[in-house]
Protein backbone atom coordinates (compact mmCIF):
# COMPACT_ATOMS: atom_id res chain seq x y z
CA UNK A 1 -44.14 20.15 51.14
CA UNK A 2 -47.56 21.41 50.10
CA UNK A 3 -48.08 22.02 46.41
CA UNK A 4 -50.99 23.98 45.00
CA UNK A 5 -52.26 22.98 41.56
CA UNK A 6 -53.08 25.83 39.20
CA UNK A 7 -56.83 26.41 39.09
CA UNK A 8 -58.02 25.79 35.55
CA UNK A 9 -61.08 25.19 33.47
CA UNK A 10 -61.41 24.65 29.74
CA UNK A 11 -61.68 28.41 29.23
CA UNK A 12 -59.04 29.51 31.76
CA UNK A 13 -56.17 27.07 31.21
CA UNK A 14 -52.91 28.99 31.46
CA UNK A 15 -49.98 27.15 29.98
CA UNK A 16 -47.48 29.67 31.43
CA UNK A 17 -48.89 28.94 34.92
CA UNK A 18 -48.74 25.20 34.22
CA UNK A 19 -45.12 25.54 33.10
CA UNK A 20 -44.29 27.49 36.26
CA UNK A 21 -45.91 24.76 38.37
CA UNK A 22 -43.91 22.08 36.57
CA UNK A 23 -40.72 24.08 37.03
CA UNK A 24 -41.31 24.32 40.78
CA UNK A 25 -42.00 20.56 41.00
CA UNK A 26 -38.81 19.72 39.11
CA UNK A 27 -36.56 22.25 40.83
CA UNK A 28 -33.98 20.54 42.98
CA UNK A 29 -35.20 17.01 42.22
CA UNK A 30 -33.02 14.79 40.06
CA UNK A 31 -34.89 11.48 40.36
CA UNK A 32 -36.16 10.46 36.93
CA UNK A 33 -39.22 8.52 38.12
CA UNK A 34 -40.22 11.08 40.76
CA UNK A 35 -40.17 13.86 38.17
CA UNK A 36 -42.26 11.88 35.68
CA UNK A 37 -44.74 10.90 38.40
CA UNK A 38 -45.20 14.49 39.57
CA UNK A 39 -45.58 15.87 36.05
CA UNK A 40 -48.16 13.22 35.12
CA UNK A 41 -50.16 14.05 38.27
CA UNK A 42 -49.88 17.78 37.62
CA UNK A 43 -51.15 17.46 34.05
CA UNK A 44 -53.90 14.97 34.93
CA UNK A 45 -55.36 17.32 37.51
CA UNK A 46 -54.75 20.59 35.66
CA UNK A 47 -55.90 19.71 32.14
CA UNK A 48 -59.66 19.66 31.61
CA UNK A 49 -61.37 16.75 29.85
CA UNK A 50 -58.56 14.19 30.03
CA UNK A 51 -58.85 10.60 31.24
CA UNK A 52 -55.22 9.45 31.02
CA UNK A 53 -51.86 11.22 31.29
CA UNK A 54 -48.59 9.42 31.45
CA UNK A 55 -45.28 8.38 30.06
CA UNK A 56 -43.95 5.52 28.03
CA UNK A 57 -40.19 5.12 28.35
CA UNK A 58 -37.83 3.90 25.65
CA UNK A 59 -36.23 0.67 26.92
CA UNK A 60 -34.59 -2.14 24.99
CA UNK A 61 -36.15 -1.19 21.66
CA UNK A 62 -39.73 -0.58 22.78
CA UNK A 63 -41.88 1.82 24.78
CA UNK A 64 -42.55 0.60 28.33
CA UNK A 65 -45.21 2.02 30.63
CA UNK A 66 -43.89 4.60 33.09
CA UNK A 67 -45.57 6.85 35.66
CA UNK A 68 -49.16 7.77 34.80
CA UNK A 69 -52.56 8.86 36.07
CA UNK A 70 -55.72 7.08 34.87
CA UNK A 71 -56.92 3.54 34.30
CA UNK A 72 -54.43 0.69 33.97
CA UNK A 73 -52.71 0.87 30.58
CA UNK A 74 -50.92 -1.16 27.95
CA UNK A 75 -47.52 -2.12 29.31
CA UNK A 76 -45.41 -2.31 26.14
CA UNK A 77 -45.74 -0.62 22.74
CA UNK A 78 -43.58 -1.45 19.75
CA UNK A 79 -41.91 1.36 17.86
CA UNK A 80 -44.23 2.43 15.05
CA UNK A 81 -47.37 0.89 16.64
CA UNK A 82 -50.33 3.04 17.63
CA UNK A 83 -50.17 6.77 18.26
CA UNK A 84 -47.38 6.51 20.86
CA UNK A 85 -45.18 4.22 18.77
CA UNK A 86 -45.70 6.34 15.66
CA UNK A 87 -44.82 9.58 17.47
CA UNK A 88 -41.73 7.87 18.90
CA UNK A 89 -40.65 6.51 15.52
CA UNK A 90 -41.11 9.86 13.75
CA UNK A 91 -39.95 11.89 16.78
CA UNK A 92 -42.77 14.37 16.20
CA UNK A 93 -45.80 15.47 18.17
CA UNK A 94 -49.00 13.74 17.10
CA UNK A 95 -52.52 15.02 17.72
CA UNK A 96 -55.30 12.60 16.80
CA UNK A 97 -58.83 14.04 16.83
CA UNK A 98 -60.54 10.64 16.57
CA UNK A 99 -58.51 7.63 17.64
CA UNK A 100 -60.98 5.26 15.96
CA UNK A 101 -59.80 6.70 12.64
CA UNK A 102 -56.10 6.22 13.38
CA UNK A 103 -54.83 3.13 11.61
CA UNK A 104 -53.27 0.71 14.09
CA UNK A 105 -54.63 2.54 17.16
CA UNK A 106 -54.02 0.52 20.33
CA UNK A 107 -57.04 0.56 22.65
CA UNK A 108 -55.91 0.74 26.26
CA UNK A 109 -58.94 2.65 27.58
CA UNK A 110 -62.14 2.23 25.58
CA UNK A 111 -63.32 5.65 26.83
CA UNK A 112 -60.53 7.49 24.98
CA UNK A 113 -61.66 9.34 21.85
CA UNK A 114 -58.71 11.65 21.11
CA UNK A 115 -55.01 11.60 21.92
CA UNK A 116 -51.93 13.78 21.93
CA UNK A 117 -48.40 12.37 22.13
CA UNK A 118 -45.23 14.43 22.54
CA UNK A 119 -41.80 12.73 22.33
CA UNK A 120 -39.25 13.27 25.08
CA UNK A 121 -35.88 13.82 23.45
CA UNK A 122 -32.52 14.47 25.10
CA UNK A 123 -29.81 15.61 22.70
CA UNK A 124 -31.85 14.10 19.86
CA UNK A 125 -32.12 10.69 21.55
CA UNK A 126 -35.56 9.27 22.33
CA UNK A 127 -36.17 8.92 26.08
CA UNK A 128 -39.91 8.26 25.84
CA UNK A 129 -43.22 9.94 25.12
CA UNK A 130 -45.82 11.93 27.02
CA UNK A 131 -49.25 10.50 26.19
CA UNK A 132 -52.49 12.34 26.97
CA UNK A 133 -55.93 10.87 26.23
CA UNK A 134 -59.38 12.42 26.33
CA UNK A 135 -62.89 10.96 26.27
CA UNK A 136 -63.84 13.90 24.02
CA UNK A 137 -63.24 13.83 20.26
CA UNK A 138 -61.01 16.62 18.93
CA UNK A 139 -60.12 17.67 22.50
CA UNK A 140 -56.57 18.78 21.69
CA UNK A 141 -55.92 22.01 19.80
CA UNK A 142 -52.78 23.62 18.40
CA UNK A 143 -52.83 25.79 21.56
CA UNK A 144 -52.53 22.62 23.69
CA UNK A 145 -49.62 21.35 21.63
CA UNK A 146 -47.87 24.74 21.70
CA UNK A 147 -48.58 25.12 25.42
CA UNK A 148 -47.26 21.68 26.36
CA UNK A 149 -44.18 21.71 24.13
CA UNK A 150 -42.17 24.01 26.47
CA UNK A 151 -43.16 21.83 29.42
CA UNK A 152 -41.89 18.73 27.58
CA UNK A 153 -38.66 20.58 26.72
CA UNK A 154 -38.23 21.56 30.39
CA UNK A 155 -38.87 17.99 31.50
CA UNK A 156 -36.43 16.64 28.92
CA UNK A 157 -33.71 18.88 30.35
CA UNK A 158 -34.37 17.38 33.80
CA UNK A 159 -34.23 13.84 32.42
CA UNK A 160 -30.64 14.02 31.27
CA UNK A 161 -28.86 11.10 32.88
């Protein structure tokens, strides 16, 4: 199966096209890990100015590294620690313009300057988080958060076990 990534640049990113691409990747596939792997690859290659895209999965009371694209990452994150653990604890999206200013930030990649984390919830239960890092300060805008939220909702529907 050949899959064509949407052509994007910082000025031409189309979240509806990205959502359609994610929908076609997820369609007919029920494997949890395969879906997370494909979505992380899709986002890593489609989003401009990012250096890490991946998932942390909720397992046994902590976030555990799942499929990702980028440099090797922290393997386990406690609930409430760093941007990922805080987003998971609060079950809200977090956008951090300057990670060096975020109290308790966990440095996995020293090149990361900003971060966006969106929780994956199924029927209100935490499944994990989508974590996206950028080497650019203030990379993520409200448009990014609004554009990725439907994709996270779509993915969450496919993650029901």
